[in-house]
Amino acid sequence: MNQSRCLAIRRNAVSLTTLGIVSSLVAALAACSSHGGASGDSQSSKSGSSTSSPIIVGAYYQGTGTQNAYPEVGPALQAAVQYVNNDLGGVGGHPLKLVTCVTDGTPTSTQNCAQELVSKKPAIVVNGYDQNDAVANKIIGGAGIVTVAESAGTLAADADPMVYYLSGSPGTVAVGLAASVLAVNPNAKHVAELVPDVPVFGSIVDTVKTVLADKGVELNVVKFPASSADLSQAWVSLRADKQDTVLLTVDPGHCLAAIKAAKLQQSRTPVISFPFCASADIVRQTGNATDGWLVQTASADPGGDDPDAVIYRAQMAKFDKNANAGGFAPQAFPVLMMAYEILKAAGYDKLSADSIRQAARAGGPIFMGGGQRFKCETDPAFPAICSFGLTLGKVSGDKYAIQSQYTVDTQELFDKYVKSK
């Protein structure tokens, strides 16, 4: 995603500021039960709180696999725990103890990890990112344990009362993308979208297509196999030079191939994508190919001057100077911080599923959220959505600047095109 506009989506009225919708494995990972995968414990605490009983936080994420893997999530979660324990004093003096399990992108692996985490009796679980999260939600929620995550993998997950999503679901991302197109170019008539052929992206495409069709905009969708390493032909199929805007709706693993394809075709059509497609690592390999693109995000630029972003980079480097701070790492760190805010509000002495849900309903600050706050269960039909705040940022190098000159009521679009279904 890259260009110059930004969409800040609020619950009632929203200001369009940046859109969006987030690498080495944890060094201490060990075998995750007899089912495969990997798990491990991580705990960092101040000497003053090291004797206090810890609060177990479970975490799982898709760190291996033949298609999509996000190993950068592990160090980000551990760095956040280290920050909470060493700099914030834990939760009421009690350090967090992170118990992780790494999945490989298969439902069986996710199921095994969920069962492994439940056996550890965590106070709360963090989903760093897993495309089969619906499998885990059923097991973890069924055990009476709340899960927090950056975004839902399916719209159905938004109705789950035991899961809370920091930046919504495929539905909120989809209406945000459509709203961005219309805000950036109100006269747009032809838009193309490049997506991997997997269910979660398919649900986004369907909603984008419906919203744009109602506005008289034709959407040309080009899907490619998730295993594809070369997207040159897929980009040609977009007919980018015939479009008013291109939506690059991909995961971190396909950013590099898509940008190389756009560069090869010397595409000049405005592009809207996601922040991880403009990370420092991507820029090192593609130069200024993404300059001028727009990115959809629910947070401030992790490489910018936002105070939380400065803390994020410092903590990642403190944990491991070679840690990958790009990819889904900038999404995973705030989710762990969301878990911390919920646990802190619930209180160590009163920790339970009920107190945690009550704390989630009260809400708290979003780390790297640019001043936004999360507040869960505001809509009885979609209790898991904790924020409708998405924004657009204009890319320059490996940074993006929030744009504030556009306003859109994204909540209204969500109610009309997602909730009404």
Protein backbone atom coordinates (compact mmCIF):
# COMPACT_ATOMS: atom_id res chain seq x y z
CA MET A 1 0.00 0.00 0.00
CA ASN A 2 1.40 3.29 -0.81
CA GLN A 3 0.34 6.74 -1.84
CA SER A 4 -0.73 9.86 -0.15
CA ARG A 5 -3.86 9.85 1.87
CA CYS A 6 -4.92 8.76 5.24
CA LEU A 7 -8.03 7.38 6.67
CA ALA A 8 -8.76 7.54 10.35
CA ILE A 9 -11.86 5.54 11.05
CA ARG A 10 -13.73 6.19 14.22
CA ARG A 11 -16.83 4.59 15.62
CA ASN A 12 -19.15 7.47 14.67
CA ALA A 13 -17.35 9.93 12.41
CA VAL A 14 -13.98 9.19 10.97
CA SER A 15 -11.10 11.13 9.61
CA LEU A 16 -9.20 9.46 6.79
CA THR A 17 -5.60 9.40 7.86
CA THR A 18 -4.01 5.97 7.10
CA LEU A 19 -5.47 2.67 6.10
CA GLY A 20 -4.68 -0.70 6.92
CA ILE A 21 -4.50 -3.30 7.90
CA VAL A 22 0.81 -6.83 9.91
CA SER A 23 12.47 -12.19 11.47
CA SER A 24 14.00 -14.91 13.31
CA LEU A 25 12.24 -17.51 15.38
CA VAL A 26 12.31 -17.29 19.13
CA ALA A 27 15.72 -18.52 20.15
CA ALA A 28 14.34 -20.44 23.07
CA LEU A 29 11.72 -22.38 21.13
CA ALA A 30 11.48 -26.06 22.02
CA ALA A 31 9.31 -28.90 20.82
CA CYS A 32 5.58 -28.17 21.15
CA SER A 33 4.18 -31.49 22.31
CA SER A 34 4.21 -34.71 20.37
CA HIS A 35 2.08 -33.19 17.63
CA GLY A 36 4.87 -31.08 16.10
CA GLY A 37 5.30 -27.33 15.94
CA ALA A 38 7.39 -25.50 18.49
CA SER A 39 6.80 -23.98 21.87
CA GLY A 40 8.78 -22.18 24.52
CA ASP A 41 8.64 -20.01 27.59
CA SER A 42 9.94 -16.49 27.88
CA GLN A 43 10.09 -14.34 30.97
CA SER A 44 11.91 -11.10 31.62
CA SER A 45 11.43 -9.19 34.83
CA LYS A 46 12.87 -6.51 37.06
CA SER A 47 14.77 -7.74 40.04
CA GLY A 48 12.12 -6.05 42.19
CA SER A 49 9.35 -8.21 40.73
CA SER A 50 11.26 -11.39 39.98
CA THR A 51 10.05 -13.01 43.22
CA SER A 52 6.38 -12.22 42.47
CA SER A 53 4.31 -14.98 40.95
CA PRO A 54 4.14 -14.55 37.16
CA ILE A 55 1.08 -14.16 34.97
CA ILE A 56 1.12 -16.70 32.16
CA VAL A 57 0.36 -15.29 28.72
CA GLY A 58 -0.07 -17.84 25.95
CA ALA A 59 0.82 -17.01 22.35
CA TYR A 60 0.70 -18.76 19.01
CA TYR A 61 1.64 -17.65 15.53
CA GLN A 62 2.37 -19.03 12.08
CA GLY A 63 6.16 -19.14 12.16
CA THR A 64 6.90 -21.98 9.74
CA GLY A 65 5.29 -23.58 6.70
CA THR A 66 5.66 -24.00 2.98
CA GLN A 67 3.45 -21.05 2.01
CA ASN A 68 3.26 -18.18 4.47
CA ALA A 69 5.39 -17.90 7.59
CA TYR A 70 5.91 -14.94 9.90
CA PRO A 71 8.81 -15.81 12.22
CA GLU A 72 9.31 -12.11 13.05
CA VAL A 73 6.22 -12.30 15.28
CA GLY A 74 8.04 -14.36 17.93
CA PRO A 75 10.77 -11.84 18.76
CA ALA A 76 8.20 -9.01 18.68
CA LEU A 77 6.07 -10.73 21.32
CA GLN A 78 9.09 -11.47 23.47
CA ALA A 79 10.37 -7.91 23.14
CA ALA A 80 6.99 -6.60 24.28
CA VAL A 81 7.01 -8.89 27.32
CA GLN A 82 10.53 -7.75 28.14
CA TYR A 83 9.36 -4.12 27.92
CA VAL A 84 6.34 -4.75 30.17
CA ASN A 85 8.43 -6.55 32.79
CA ASN A 86 11.61 -4.50 32.77
CA ASP A 87 10.26 -1.01 32.07
CA LEU A 88 6.64 -1.04 33.22
CA GLY A 89 7.00 -3.26 36.27
CA GLY A 90 4.76 -6.03 35.03
CA VAL A 91 1.13 -6.13 36.12
CA GLY A 92 0.94 -4.88 39.69
CA GLY A 93 4.52 -6.08 40.22
CA HIS A 94 3.85 -9.49 38.71
CA PRO A 95 5.92 -10.29 35.60
CA LEU A 96 4.41 -11.72 32.46
CA LYS A 97 5.57 -15.18 31.47
CA LEU A 98 5.16 -15.84 27.76
CA VAL A 99 4.43 -19.39 26.65
CA THR A 100 4.58 -19.71 22.87
CA CYS A 101 3.62 -22.27 20.29
CA VAL A 102 4.54 -21.99 16.60
CA THR A 103 2.22 -23.28 13.90
CA ASP A 104 3.02 -24.28 10.32
CA GLY A 105 -0.05 -22.97 8.51
CA THR A 106 -2.09 -26.16 8.76
CA PRO A 107 -5.32 -26.50 10.78
CA THR A 108 -3.90 -29.53 12.58
CA SER A 109 -0.87 -27.58 13.74
CA THR A 110 -3.08 -24.74 15.00
CA GLN A 111 -5.33 -27.22 16.81
CA ASN A 112 -2.33 -28.83 18.50
CA CYS A 113 -0.92 -25.49 19.58
CA ALA A 114 -4.28 -24.37 20.98
CA GLN A 115 -4.54 -27.55 23.04
CA GLU A 116 -0.95 -27.14 24.21
CA LEU A 117 -1.59 -23.56 25.33
CA VAL A 118 -4.80 -24.44 27.16
CA SER A 119 -2.86 -27.04 29.14
CA LYS A 120 -0.58 -24.25 30.40
CA LYS A 121 -3.58 -22.42 31.93
CA PRO A 122 -2.75 -18.90 30.69
CA ALA A 123 -4.64 -15.85 31.91
CA ILE A 124 -4.97 -14.68 28.31
CA VAL A 125 -3.77 -15.79 24.87
CA VAL A 126 -2.24 -13.67 22.10
CA ASN A 127 -2.70 -14.67 18.46
CA GLY A 128 0.38 -13.19 16.80
CA TYR A 129 -1.04 -14.19 13.42
CA ASP A 130 -2.41 -17.50 12.22
CA GLN A 131 -4.61 -18.05 9.18
CA ASN A 132 -6.41 -20.89 10.96
CA ASP A 133 -7.30 -18.83 14.03
CA ALA A 134 -10.92 -20.00 13.91
CA VAL A 135 -9.69 -23.48 14.91
CA ALA A 136 -7.78 -22.10 17.89
CA ASN A 137 -10.57 -19.74 18.95
CA LYS A 138 -12.98 -22.65 19.42
CA ILE A 139 -10.55 -24.58 21.62
CA ILE A 140 -9.16 -21.68 23.65
CA GLY A 141 -12.50 -19.92 24.06
CA GLY A 142 -14.13 -23.21 24.91
CA ALA A 143 -11.72 -23.49 27.82
CA GLY A 144 -12.90 -20.12 29.10
CA ILE A 145 -9.76 -18.24 28.04
CA VAL A 146 -9.86 -14.91 26.21
CA THR A 147 -7.73 -14.37 23.08
CA VAL A 148 -6.55 -11.03 21.68
CA ALA A 149 -5.29 -10.53 18.13
CA GLU A 150 -4.57 -7.85 15.56
CA SER A 151 -7.28 -8.82 13.11
CA ALA A 152 -9.76 -11.61 12.52
CA GLY A 153 -9.18 -14.16 9.80
CA THR A 154 -12.90 -14.52 9.09
CA LEU A 155 -15.97 -12.33 9.51
CA ALA A 156 -17.61 -15.02 11.66
CA ALA A 157 -14.87 -14.56 14.26
CA ASP A 158 -16.17 -11.04 14.94
CA ALA A 159 -19.17 -12.56 16.71
CA ASP A 160 -17.03 -14.62 19.09
CA PRO A 161 -17.39 -13.24 22.66
CA MET A 162 -14.07 -14.80 23.76
CA VAL A 163 -11.87 -13.10 21.16
CA TYR A 164 -10.95 -9.43 20.79
CA TYR A 165 -9.44 -7.88 17.66
CA LEU A 166 -7.43 -4.69 17.82
CA SER A 167 -8.12 -3.53 14.27
CA GLY A 168 -11.24 -5.39 13.24
CA SER A 169 -11.71 -8.04 10.61
CA PRO A 170 -11.70 -8.68 6.87
CA GLY A 171 -14.93 -6.65 6.83
CA THR A 172 -13.40 -3.52 8.34
CA VAL A 173 -10.29 -3.84 6.18
CA ALA A 174 -12.43 -4.27 3.05
CA VAL A 175 -14.68 -1.25 3.59
CA GLY A 176 -11.56 0.70 4.51
CA LEU A 177 -9.90 -0.19 1.21
CA ALA A 178 -13.02 0.72 -0.76
CA ALA A 179 -13.42 3.98 1.17
CA SER A 180 -9.77 4.80 0.50
CA VAL A 181 -10.19 4.36 -3.24
CA LEU A 182 -13.18 6.68 -3.25
CA ALA A 183 -11.55 9.27 -0.99
CA VAL A 184 -8.30 9.38 -2.95
CA ASN A 185 -10.04 9.46 -6.32
CA PRO A 186 -13.79 10.26 -6.10
CA ASN A 187 -14.04 9.95 -9.90
CA ALA A 188 -12.45 6.51 -10.13
CA LYS A 189 -14.13 4.12 -12.57
CA HIS A 190 -11.64 1.29 -12.96
CA VAL A 191 -9.77 -0.38 -10.09
CA ALA A 192 -7.73 -3.59 -10.00
CA GLU A 193 -6.93 -5.74 -6.97
CA LEU A 194 -4.13 -8.29 -6.68
CA VAL A 195 -4.70 -10.97 -4.00
CA PRO A 196 -3.45 -14.45 -3.06
CA ASP A 197 -6.03 -17.16 -3.65
CA VAL A 198 -6.86 -17.90 0.00
CA PRO A 199 -10.23 -17.57 1.81
CA VAL A 200 -9.44 -14.58 4.05
CA PHE A 201 -8.46 -12.44 1.07
CA GLY A 202 -11.41 -13.72 -0.92
CA SER A 203 -13.81 -12.34 1.69
CA ILE A 204 -12.08 -8.95 1.51
CA VAL A 205 -12.34 -8.89 -2.28
CA ASP A 206 -16.06 -9.69 -2.24
CA THR A 207 -16.85 -6.75 0.03
CA VAL A 208 -14.58 -4.31 -1.82
CA LYS A 209 -16.23 -5.30 -5.09
CA THR A 210 -19.75 -4.77 -3.70
CA VAL A 211 -18.97 -1.35 -2.21
CA LEU A 212 -17.24 -0.08 -5.35
CA ALA A 213 -19.95 -1.46 -7.66
CA ASP A 214 -22.54 0.59 -5.79
CA LYS A 215 -20.44 3.64 -6.58
CA GLY A 216 -20.14 2.78 -10.26
CA VAL A 217 -16.56 1.49 -10.03
CA GLU A 218 -15.51 -1.68 -11.86
CA LEU A 219 -13.10 -3.95 -9.94
CA ASN A 220 -10.76 -6.24 -11.87
CA VAL A 221 -9.62 -8.99 -9.47
CA VAL A 222 -6.48 -10.98 -10.18
CA LYS A 223 -5.79 -13.93 -7.88
CA PHE A 224 -2.53 -15.86 -7.72
CA PRO A 225 -1.56 -19.13 -5.98
CA ALA A 226 -0.34 -18.51 -2.44
CA SER A 227 2.82 -20.46 -3.28
CA SER A 228 3.77 -18.08 -6.11
CA ALA A 229 7.24 -16.52 -5.88
CA ASP A 230 7.03 -14.59 -9.15
CA LEU A 231 4.08 -12.24 -9.71
CA SER A 232 5.18 -10.73 -13.01
CA GLN A 233 2.41 -12.37 -15.03
CA ALA A 234 -0.17 -11.61 -12.35
CA TRP A 235 0.78 -7.92 -12.49
CA VAL A 236 0.45 -7.95 -16.28
CA SER A 237 -3.05 -9.37 -15.85
CA LEU A 238 -3.98 -6.38 -13.70
CA ARG A 239 -3.64 -4.11 -16.74
CA ALA A 240 -2.43 -1.51 -14.26
CA ASP A 241 -1.97 1.18 -16.89
CA LYS A 242 -5.73 0.99 -17.61
CA GLN A 243 -6.73 1.41 -13.96
CA ASP A 244 -7.34 4.48 -11.81
CA THR A 245 -6.02 2.67 -8.72
CA VAL A 246 -4.42 -0.68 -7.89
CA LEU A 247 -5.12 -2.41 -4.58
CA LEU A 248 -2.22 -4.64 -3.54
CA THR A 249 -3.99 -6.80 -0.94
CA VAL A 250 -1.27 -9.27 0.00
CA ASP A 251 0.54 -10.65 3.04
CA PRO A 252 4.19 -9.78 3.87
CA GLY A 253 5.50 -12.84 2.08
CA HIS A 254 4.28 -11.59 -1.31
CA CYS A 255 5.21 -7.90 -1.03
CA LEU A 256 8.66 -8.23 -2.56
CA ALA A 257 7.48 -10.22 -5.58
CA ALA A 258 4.59 -7.81 -6.21
CA ILE A 259 6.78 -4.71 -5.97
CA LYS A 260 9.41 -6.23 -8.28
CA ALA A 261 6.64 -7.00 -10.78
CA ALA A 262 5.30 -3.44 -10.60
CA LYS A 263 8.80 -2.08 -11.03
CA LEU A 264 9.46 -4.35 -14.01
CA GLN A 265 6.29 -3.10 -15.70
CA GLN A 266 7.22 0.50 -14.83
CA SER A 267 3.75 0.94 -13.39
CA ARG A 268 2.75 4.52 -12.56
CA THR A 269 -0.80 3.82 -11.41
CA PRO A 270 -1.52 4.83 -7.78
CA VAL A 271 -1.25 1.85 -5.43
CA ILE A 272 -2.84 1.22 -2.03
CA SER A 273 -1.35 -1.59 0.07
CA PHE A 274 -0.19 -2.28 3.65
CA PRO A 275 2.75 -0.98 5.74
CA PHE A 276 4.76 -4.21 5.65
CA CYS A 277 5.13 -3.69 1.89
CA ALA A 278 7.15 -0.56 2.65
CA SER A 279 9.34 -1.95 5.43
CA ALA A 280 13.05 -1.19 5.65
CA ASP A 281 13.93 -4.69 4.41
CA ILE A 282 11.67 -4.34 1.36
CA VAL A 283 13.05 -0.88 0.56
CA ARG A 284 16.63 -2.17 0.72
CA GLN A 285 15.75 -4.63 -2.03
CA THR A 286 13.53 -2.45 -4.20
CA GLY A 287 14.89 1.06 -3.75
CA ASN A 288 12.26 3.80 -4.03
CA ALA A 289 9.79 1.65 -5.96
CA THR A 290 7.05 2.23 -3.38
CA ASP A 291 7.53 5.98 -2.98
CA GLY A 292 4.16 7.69 -3.35
CA TRP A 293 2.15 4.57 -2.59
CA LEU A 294 -0.50 4.65 0.12
CA VAL A 295 -0.60 2.16 2.99
CA GLN A 296 -3.61 1.14 5.06
CA THR A 297 -2.82 0.72 8.73
CA ALA A 298 -4.35 0.88 12.18
CA SER A 299 -1.20 2.35 13.71
CA ALA A 300 1.43 5.04 13.49
CA ASP A 301 4.49 4.43 11.32
CA PRO A 302 6.71 2.03 13.32
CA GLY A 303 9.70 3.68 11.67
CA GLY A 304 8.52 7.22 12.42
CA ASP A 305 8.76 9.72 15.27
CA ASP A 306 5.65 8.66 17.19
CA PRO A 307 6.76 8.13 20.84
CA ASP A 308 5.46 4.56 20.88
CA ALA A 309 7.23 3.84 17.59
CA VAL A 310 10.50 5.04 19.11
CA ILE A 311 9.92 2.72 22.07
CA TYR A 312 9.05 -0.14 19.72
CA ARG A 313 12.29 0.13 17.76
CA ALA A 314 14.36 0.51 20.91
CA GLN A 315 12.76 -2.51 22.56
CA MET A 316 13.15 -4.68 19.46
CA ALA A 317 16.84 -3.75 19.28
CA LYS A 318 17.23 -4.27 23.02
CA PHE A 319 15.79 -7.76 22.75
CA ASP A 320 17.87 -8.64 19.69
CA LYS A 321 19.81 -6.13 17.60
CA ASN A 322 19.32 -8.39 14.59
CA ALA A 323 15.57 -8.90 15.07
CA ASN A 324 13.35 -8.21 12.08
CA ALA A 325 11.21 -5.21 13.08
CA GLY A 326 9.23 -5.36 9.83
CA GLY A 327 6.62 -7.77 8.47
CA PHE A 328 3.98 -8.57 11.08
CA ALA A 329 6.24 -7.59 14.00
CA PRO A 330 4.76 -4.03 14.25
CA GLN A 331 1.29 -5.59 14.49
CA ALA A 332 2.26 -8.28 17.03
CA PHE A 333 3.95 -5.95 19.53
CA PRO A 334 0.81 -3.76 20.00
CA VAL A 335 -1.36 -6.85 20.45
CA LEU A 336 0.81 -8.00 23.36
CA MET A 337 0.54 -4.47 24.74
CA MET A 338 -3.25 -4.71 24.39
CA ALA A 339 -3.14 -7.88 26.48
CA TYR A 340 -1.05 -6.01 29.05
CA GLU A 341 -3.53 -3.12 29.23
CA ILE A 342 -6.41 -5.56 29.74
CA LEU A 343 -4.59 -7.55 32.42
CA LYS A 344 -3.55 -4.35 34.20
CA ALA A 345 -7.13 -3.04 34.23
CA ALA A 346 -8.48 -6.40 35.41
CA GLY A 347 -5.99 -6.51 38.27
CA TYR A 348 -3.80 -9.41 39.33
CA ASP A 349 -5.90 -10.32 42.34
CA LYS A 350 -9.09 -10.46 40.29
CA LEU A 351 -7.91 -12.18 37.11
CA SER A 352 -10.64 -14.26 35.51
CA ALA A 353 -12.32 -14.53 32.14
CA ASP A 354 -15.09 -12.24 33.41
CA SER A 355 -12.74 -9.55 34.77
CA ILE A 356 -10.68 -9.68 31.58
CA ARG A 357 -13.79 -9.24 29.42
CA GLN A 358 -14.93 -6.37 31.61
CA ALA A 359 -11.52 -4.71 31.22
CA ALA A 360 -11.69 -5.19 27.44
CA ARG A 361 -15.11 -3.53 27.39
CA ALA A 362 -13.68 -0.56 29.31
CA GLY A 363 -10.88 -0.33 26.77
CA GLY A 364 -7.47 1.27 26.82
CA PRO A 365 -4.80 3.01 24.70
CA ILE A 366 -3.62 1.37 21.48
CA PHE A 367 0.16 1.11 21.43
CA MET A 368 1.41 2.91 18.30
CA GLY A 369 -2.22 3.85 17.68
CA GLY A 370 -1.60 7.56 17.27
CA GLY A 371 -3.80 8.40 20.26
CA GLN A 372 -6.59 5.96 19.40
CA ARG A 373 -8.13 3.66 22.00
CA PHE A 374 -9.53 0.17 21.79
CA LYS A 375 -12.93 -0.62 23.27
CA CYS A 376 -14.45 -4.05 22.80
CA GLU A 377 -18.06 -5.27 22.64
CA THR A 378 -19.40 -1.90 21.52
CA ASP A 379 -21.59 -3.65 18.93
CA PRO A 380 -23.57 -6.65 20.25
CA ALA A 381 -23.54 -8.24 16.79
CA PHE A 382 -19.74 -7.97 16.49
CA PRO A 383 -18.40 -8.00 20.06
CA ALA A 384 -14.88 -8.98 18.99
CA ILE A 385 -14.20 -5.75 17.08
CA CYS A 386 -12.37 -3.36 19.39
CA SER A 387 -11.52 -0.55 16.98
CA PHE A 388 -12.74 0.80 13.68
CA GLY A 389 -9.69 3.05 13.44
CA LEU A 390 -7.85 2.62 10.15
CA THR A 391 -5.71 5.21 8.43
CA LEU A 392 -3.81 5.89 5.20
CA GLY A 393 -0.21 7.01 5.01
CA LYS A 394 1.94 8.21 2.10
CA VAL A 395 5.15 6.28 1.63
CA SER A 396 8.60 7.81 1.24
CA GLY A 397 11.51 5.40 1.56
CA ASP A 398 10.84 3.04 4.48
CA LYS A 399 8.55 5.51 6.26
CA TYR A 400 5.05 6.82 5.74
CA ALA A 401 3.38 10.07 6.72
CA ILE A 402 -0.21 10.15 7.91
CA GLN A 403 -2.48 12.25 5.73
CA SER A 404 -5.39 14.05 7.35
CA GLN A 405 -7.13 15.87 4.51
CA TYR A 406 -9.77 13.23 3.86
CA THR A 407 -12.83 12.31 5.90
CA VAL A 408 -15.07 9.26 5.51
CA ASP A 409 -17.70 7.50 7.62
CA THR A 410 -16.33 3.96 7.44
CA GLN A 411 -18.59 2.76 10.24
CA GLU A 412 -21.55 3.54 8.02
CA LEU A 413 -20.05 1.45 5.22
CA PHE A 414 -19.40 -1.43 7.61
CA ASP A 415 -23.00 -1.37 8.84
CA LYS A 416 -24.36 -1.25 5.31
CA TYR A 417 -22.17 -3.80 3.55
CA VAL A 418 -21.00 -6.14 6.31
CA LYS A 419 -23.30 -6.02 9.30
CA SER A 420 -26.49 -6.09 7.23
CA LYS A 421 -25.54 -9.40 5.60
